[in-house]
Amino acid sequence: MSLIKKELLEILACPVDKQPLRELENEMKLECSACGRKYPVKEGIPVMLVDEAELPKDRKNG
């Protein structure tokens, strides 16, 4: 089962680098295919705020 509708996923992009996103169903998040930021999906709604994004582990400390 998808987190969000396919049509919505196709038009969403990372607000940082404007690259496409992919679903991480097990984590309930959308991940940027370029920078690796993970955006939460809460109650079926993607939260596309940079401040809410989880940075990739290799980028957390700089």
PDB file of N, CA and C in Angstrom:
ATOM      1  N   MET A   1       0.842  -1.187   0.000  1.00  0.00           N
ATOM      2  CA  MET A   1       0.000   0.000   0.000  1.00  0.00           C
ATOM      3  C   MET A   1       0.886   1.249   0.000  1.00  0.00           C
ATOM      4  N   SER A   2       0.543   2.205  -0.797  1.00  0.00           N
ATOM      5  CA  SER A   2       1.322   3.437  -0.899  1.00  0.00           C
ATOM      6  C   SER A   2       0.984   4.402   0.227  1.00  0.00           C
ATOM      7  N   LEU A   3       1.962   5.217   0.575  1.00  0.00           N
ATOM      8  CA  LEU A   3       1.758   6.254   1.586  1.00  0.00           C
ATOM      9  C   LEU A   3       0.886   7.376   1.045  1.00  0.00           C
ATOM     10  N   ILE A   4       1.118   7.734  -0.217  1.00  0.00           N
ATOM     11  CA  ILE A   4       0.364   8.809  -0.869  1.00  0.00           C
ATOM     12  C   ILE A   4       0.013   8.366  -2.283  1.00  0.00           C
ATOM     13  N   LYS A   5      -0.889   9.081  -2.913  1.00  0.00           N
ATOM     14  CA  LYS A   5      -1.280   8.752  -4.281  1.00  0.00           C
ATOM     15  C   LYS A   5      -0.104   8.930  -5.236  1.00  0.00           C
ATOM     16  N   LYS A   6      -0.048   8.042  -6.219  1.00  0.00           N
ATOM     17  CA  LYS A   6       1.026   8.065  -7.206  1.00  0.00           C
ATOM     18  C   LYS A   6       1.105   9.418  -7.915  1.00  0.00           C
ATOM     19  N   GLU A   7      -0.041   9.995  -8.237  1.00  0.00           N
ATOM     20  CA  GLU A   7      -0.080  11.279  -8.943  1.00  0.00           C
ATOM     21  C   GLU A   7       0.565  12.389  -8.117  1.00  0.00           C
ATOM     22  N   LEU A   8       0.351  12.363  -6.803  1.00  0.00           N
ATOM     23  CA  LEU A   8       0.958  13.363  -5.928  1.00  0.00           C
ATOM     24  C   LEU A   8       2.465  13.145  -5.828  1.00  0.00           C
ATOM     25  N   LEU A   9       2.879  11.903  -5.685  1.00  0.00           N
ATOM     26  CA  LEU A   9       4.306  11.594  -5.603  1.00  0.00           C
ATOM     27  C   LEU A   9       5.049  12.065  -6.853  1.00  0.00           C
ATOM     28  N   GLU A  10       4.409  11.954  -8.002  1.00  0.00           N
ATOM     29  CA  GLU A  10       5.037  12.363  -9.262  1.00  0.00           C
ATOM     30  C   GLU A  10       5.283  13.865  -9.348  1.00  0.00           C
ATOM     31  N   ILE A  11       4.488  14.681  -8.656  1.00  0.00           N
ATOM     32  CA  ILE A  11       4.679  16.133  -8.746  1.00  0.00           C
ATOM     33  C   ILE A  11       5.461  16.714  -7.568  1.00  0.00           C
ATOM     34  N   LEU A  12       5.592  15.941  -6.492  1.00  0.00           N
ATOM     35  CA  LEU A  12       6.361  16.425  -5.343  1.00  0.00           C
ATOM     36  C   LEU A  12       7.852  16.377  -5.638  1.00  0.00           C
ATOM     37  N   ALA A  13       8.583  17.312  -5.048  1.00  0.00           N
ATOM     38  CA  ALA A  13      10.041  17.341  -5.178  1.00  0.00           C
ATOM     39  C   ALA A  13      10.627  17.827  -3.864  1.00  0.00           C
ATOM     40  N   CYS A  14      11.863  17.489  -3.642  1.00  0.00           N
ATOM     41  CA  CYS A  14      12.568  17.954  -2.452  1.00  0.00           C
ATOM     42  C   CYS A  14      12.639  19.479  -2.494  1.00  0.00           C
ATOM     43  N   PRO A  15      12.252  20.165  -1.423  1.00  0.00           N
ATOM     44  CA  PRO A  15      12.301  21.632  -1.427  1.00  0.00           C
ATOM     45  C   PRO A  15      13.722  22.190  -1.432  1.00  0.00           C
ATOM     46  N   VAL A  16      14.710  21.369  -1.117  1.00  0.00           N
ATOM     47  CA  VAL A  16      16.101  21.825  -1.086  1.00  0.00           C
ATOM     48  C   VAL A  16      16.722  21.799  -2.475  1.00  0.00           C
ATOM     49  N   ASP A  17      16.642  20.642  -3.141  1.00  0.00           N
ATOM     50  CA  ASP A  17      17.332  20.513  -4.430  1.00  0.00           C
ATOM     51  C   ASP A  17      16.417  20.201  -5.612  1.00  0.00           C
ATOM     52  N   LYS A  18      15.120  20.186  -5.368  1.00  0.00           N
ATOM     53  CA  LYS A  18      14.097  20.022  -6.424  1.00  0.00           C
ATOM     54  C   LYS A  18      14.166  18.673  -7.147  1.00  0.00           C
ATOM     55  N   GLN A  19      14.715  17.665  -6.489  1.00  0.00           N
ATOM     56  CA  GLN A  19      14.830  16.337  -7.084  1.00  0.00           C
ATOM     57  C   GLN A  19      13.642  15.466  -6.673  1.00  0.00           C
ATOM     58  N   PRO A  20      13.375  14.391  -7.425  1.00  0.00           N
ATOM     59  CA  PRO A  20      12.228  13.529  -7.126  1.00  0.00           C
ATOM     60  C   PRO A  20      12.371  12.814  -5.781  1.00  0.00           C
ATOM     61  N   LEU A  21      11.224  12.372  -5.284  1.00  0.00           N
ATOM     62  CA  LEU A  21      11.159  11.660  -4.014  1.00  0.00           C
ATOM     63  C   LEU A  21      10.740  10.224  -4.251  1.00  0.00           C
ATOM     64  N   ARG A  22      11.086   9.354  -3.294  1.00  0.00           N
ATOM     65  CA  ARG A  22      10.624   7.961  -3.329  1.00  0.00           C
ATOM     66  C   ARG A  22      10.041   7.619  -1.963  1.00  0.00           C
ATOM     67  N   GLU A  23       9.092   6.705  -1.972  1.00  0.00           N
ATOM     68  CA  GLU A  23       8.435   6.306  -0.730  1.00  0.00           C
ATOM     69  C   GLU A  23       9.298   5.333   0.061  1.00  0.00           C
ATOM     70  N   LEU A  24       9.297   5.516   1.359  1.00  0.00           N
ATOM     71  CA  LEU A  24       9.875   4.555   2.297  1.00  0.00           C
ATOM     72  C   LEU A  24       8.721   4.114   3.194  1.00  0.00           C
ATOM     73  N   GLU A  25       7.951   3.151   2.707  1.00  0.00           N
ATOM     74  CA  GLU A  25       6.717   2.754   3.391  1.00  0.00           C
ATOM     75  C   GLU A  25       6.971   2.263   4.810  1.00  0.00           C
ATOM     76  N   ASN A  26       8.056   1.532   5.037  1.00  0.00           N
ATOM     77  CA  ASN A  26       8.340   0.999   6.374  1.00  0.00           C
ATOM     78  C   ASN A  26       8.610   2.108   7.385  1.00  0.00           C
ATOM     79  N   GLU A  27       9.100   3.257   6.909  1.00  0.00           N
ATOM     80  CA  GLU A  27       9.426   4.378   7.786  1.00  0.00           C
ATOM     81  C   GLU A  27       8.364   5.476   7.765  1.00  0.00           C
ATOM     82  N   MET A  28       7.372   5.353   6.894  1.00  0.00           N
ATOM     83  CA  MET A  28       6.335   6.384   6.735  1.00  0.00           C
ATOM     84  C   MET A  28       6.965   7.725   6.360  1.00  0.00           C
ATOM     85  N   LYS A  29       7.889   7.682   5.389  1.00  0.00           N
ATOM     86  CA  LYS A  29       8.600   8.887   4.963  1.00  0.00           C
ATOM     87  C   LYS A  29       8.791   8.878   3.457  1.00  0.00           C
ATOM     88  N   LEU A  30       9.080  10.077   2.917  1.00  0.00           N
ATOM     89  CA  LEU A  30       9.482  10.234   1.528  1.00  0.00           C
ATOM     90  C   LEU A  30      10.944  10.640   1.543  1.00  0.00           C
ATOM     91  N   GLU A  31      11.748  10.010   0.690  1.00  0.00           N
ATOM     92  CA  GLU A  31      13.184  10.279   0.666  1.00  0.00           C
ATOM     93  C   GLU A  31      13.581  10.922  -0.653  1.00  0.00           C
ATOM     94  N   CYS A  32      14.400  11.965  -0.573  1.00  0.00           N
ATOM     95  CA  CYS A  32      14.919  12.614  -1.771  1.00  0.00           C
ATOM     96  C   CYS A  32      15.919  11.683  -2.438  1.00  0.00           C
ATOM     97  N   SER A  33      15.793  11.517  -3.740  1.00  0.00           N
ATOM     98  CA  SER A  33      16.679  10.622  -4.476  1.00  0.00           C
ATOM     99  C   SER A  33      18.087  11.187  -4.621  1.00  0.00           C
ATOM    100  N   ALA A  34      18.268  12.480  -4.376  1.00  0.00           N
ATOM    101  CA  ALA A  34      19.589  13.094  -4.525  1.00  0.00           C
ATOM    102  C   ALA A  34      20.278  13.326  -3.178  1.00  0.00           C
ATOM    103  N   CYS A  35      19.669  14.115  -2.309  1.00  0.00           N
ATOM    104  CA  CYS A  35      20.337  14.494  -1.053  1.00  0.00           C
ATOM    105  C   CYS A  35      20.063  13.529   0.095  1.00  0.00           C
ATOM    106  N   GLY A  36      19.044  12.683  -0.034  1.00  0.00           N
ATOM    107  CA  GLY A  36      18.756  11.693   0.992  1.00  0.00           C
ATOM    108  C   GLY A  36      17.923  12.183   2.162  1.00  0.00           C
ATOM    109  N   ARG A  37      17.487  13.440   2.134  1.00  0.00           N
ATOM    110  CA  ARG A  37      16.622  13.927   3.215  1.00  0.00           C
ATOM    111  C   ARG A  37      15.328  13.114   3.224  1.00  0.00           C
ATOM    112  N   LYS A  38      14.819  12.871   4.430  1.00  0.00           N
ATOM    113  CA  LYS A  38      13.583  12.106   4.589  1.00  0.00           C
ATOM    114  C   LYS A  38      12.521  13.011   5.190  1.00  0.00           C
ATOM    115  N   TYR A  39      11.389  13.089   4.491  1.00  0.00           N
ATOM    116  CA  TYR A  39      10.269  13.924   4.910  1.00  0.00           C
ATOM    117  C   TYR A  39       9.159  13.027   5.446  1.00  0.00           C
ATOM    118  N   PRO A  40       8.636  13.324   6.638  1.00  0.00           N
ATOM    119  CA  PRO A  40       7.605  12.465   7.216  1.00  0.00           C
ATOM    120  C   PRO A  40       6.268  12.578   6.478  1.00  0.00           C
ATOM    121  N   VAL A  41       5.514  11.499   6.534  1.00  0.00           N
ATOM    122  CA  VAL A  41       4.138  11.487   6.034  1.00  0.00           C
ATOM    123  C   VAL A  41       3.257  11.255   7.254  1.00  0.00           C
ATOM    124  N   LYS A  42       2.453  12.263   7.599  1.00  0.00           N
ATOM    125  CA  LYS A  42       1.600  12.193   8.788  1.00  0.00           C
ATOM    126  C   LYS A  42       0.137  12.150   8.367  1.00  0.00           C
ATOM    127  N   GLU A  43      -0.529  11.061   8.719  1.00  0.00           N
ATOM    128  CA  GLU A  43      -1.938  10.856   8.373  1.00  0.00           C
ATOM    129  C   GLU A  43      -2.175  11.018   6.877  1.00  0.00           C
ATOM    130  N   GLY A  44      -1.240  10.502   6.075  1.00  0.00           N
ATOM    131  CA  GLY A  44      -1.365  10.545   4.626  1.00  0.00           C
ATOM    132  C   GLY A  44      -0.958  11.854   3.983  1.00  0.00           C
ATOM    133  N   ILE A  45      -0.439  12.790   4.784  1.00  0.00           N
ATOM    134  CA  ILE A  45      -0.051  14.105   4.266  1.00  0.00           C
ATOM    135  C   ILE A  45       1.461  14.274   4.373  1.00  0.00           C
ATOM    136  N   PRO A  46       2.147  14.474   3.241  1.00  0.00           N
ATOM    137  CA  PRO A  46       3.592  14.690   3.295  1.00  0.00           C
ATOM    138  C   PRO A  46       3.916  16.044   3.929  1.00  0.00           C
ATOM    139  N   VAL A  47       4.833  16.044   4.872  1.00  0.00           N
ATOM    140  CA  VAL A  47       5.274  17.273   5.533  1.00  0.00           C
ATOM    141  C   VAL A  47       6.583  17.686   4.861  1.00  0.00           C
ATOM    142  N   MET A  48       6.470  18.610   3.906  1.00  0.00           N
ATOM    143  CA  MET A  48       7.605  18.978   3.060  1.00  0.00           C
ATOM    144  C   MET A  48       8.334  20.219   3.583  1.00  0.00           C
ATOM    145  N   LEU A  49       8.532  20.277   4.880  1.00  0.00           N
ATOM    146  CA  LEU A  49       9.248  21.387   5.498  1.00  0.00           C
ATOM    147  C   LEU A  49      10.689  20.960   5.756  1.00  0.00           C
ATOM    148  N   VAL A  50      11.632  21.782   5.347  1.00  0.00           N
ATOM    149  CA  VAL A  50      13.048  21.452   5.518  1.00  0.00           C
ATOM    150  C   VAL A  50      13.368  21.227   6.995  1.00  0.00           C
ATOM    151  N   ASP A  51      12.771  22.023   7.871  1.00  0.00           N
ATOM    152  CA  ASP A  51      13.021  21.881   9.310  1.00  0.00           C
ATOM    153  C   ASP A  51      12.510  20.558   9.873  1.00  0.00           C
ATOM    154  N   GLU A  52      11.550  19.945   9.205  1.00  0.00           N
ATOM    155  CA  GLU A  52      10.994  18.665   9.652  1.00  0.00           C
ATOM    156  C   GLU A  52      11.735  17.477   9.048  1.00  0.00           C
ATOM    157  N   ALA A  53      12.588  17.719   8.072  1.00  0.00           N
ATOM    158  CA  ALA A  53      13.285  16.640   7.372  1.00  0.00           C
ATOM    159  C   ALA A  53      14.373  16.025   8.240  1.00  0.00           C
ATOM    160  N   GLU A  54      14.572  14.743   8.023  1.00  0.00           N
ATOM    161  CA  GLU A  54      15.647  14.012   8.694  1.00  0.00           C
ATOM    162  C   GLU A  54      16.824  13.946   7.724  1.00  0.00           C
ATOM    163  N   LEU A  55      17.981  14.411   8.168  1.00  0.00           N
ATOM    164  CA  LEU A  55      19.170  14.378   7.322  1.00  0.00           C
ATOM    165  C   LEU A  55      19.727  12.962   7.262  1.00  0.00           C
ATOM    166  N   PRO A  56      20.391  12.623   6.153  1.00  0.00           N
ATOM    167  CA  PRO A  56      21.047  11.312   6.088  1.00  0.00           C
ATOM    168  C   PRO A  56      22.084  11.196   7.207  1.00  0.00           C
ATOM    169  N   LYS A  57      22.308   9.998   7.689  1.00  0.00           N
ATOM    170  CA  LYS A  57      23.235   9.777   8.804  1.00  0.00           C
ATOM    171  C   LYS A  57      24.629  10.329   8.532  1.00  0.00           C
ATOM    172  N   ASP A  58      25.098  10.233   7.299  1.00  0.00           N
ATOM    173  CA  ASP A  58      26.448  10.716   6.985  1.00  0.00           C
ATOM    174  C   ASP A  58      26.536  12.236   6.894  1.00  0.00           C
ATOM    175  N   ARG A  59      25.411  12.934   6.975  1.00  0.00           N
ATOM    176  CA  ARG A  59      25.416  14.403   6.889  1.00  0.00           C
ATOM    177  C   ARG A  59      25.014  15.087   8.190  1.00  0.00           C
ATOM    178  N   LYS A  60      24.642  14.341   9.203  1.00  0.00           N
ATOM    179  CA  LYS A  60      24.148  14.940  10.444  1.00  0.00           C
ATOM    180  C   LYS A  60      25.201  15.780  11.156  1.00  0.00           C
ATOM    181  N   ASN A  61      26.435  15.365  11.110  1.00  0.00           N
ATOM    182  CA  ASN A  61      27.496  16.084  11.821  1.00  0.00           C
ATOM    183  C   ASN A  61      28.356  16.923  10.899  1.00  0.00           C
ATOM    184  N   GLY A  62      27.815  17.304   9.786  1.00  0.00           N
ATOM    185  CA  GLY A  62      28.542  18.168   8.881  1.00  0.00           C
ATOM    186  C   GLY A  62      28.957  17.447   7.681  1.00  0.00           C
TER     187      GLY A  62
END
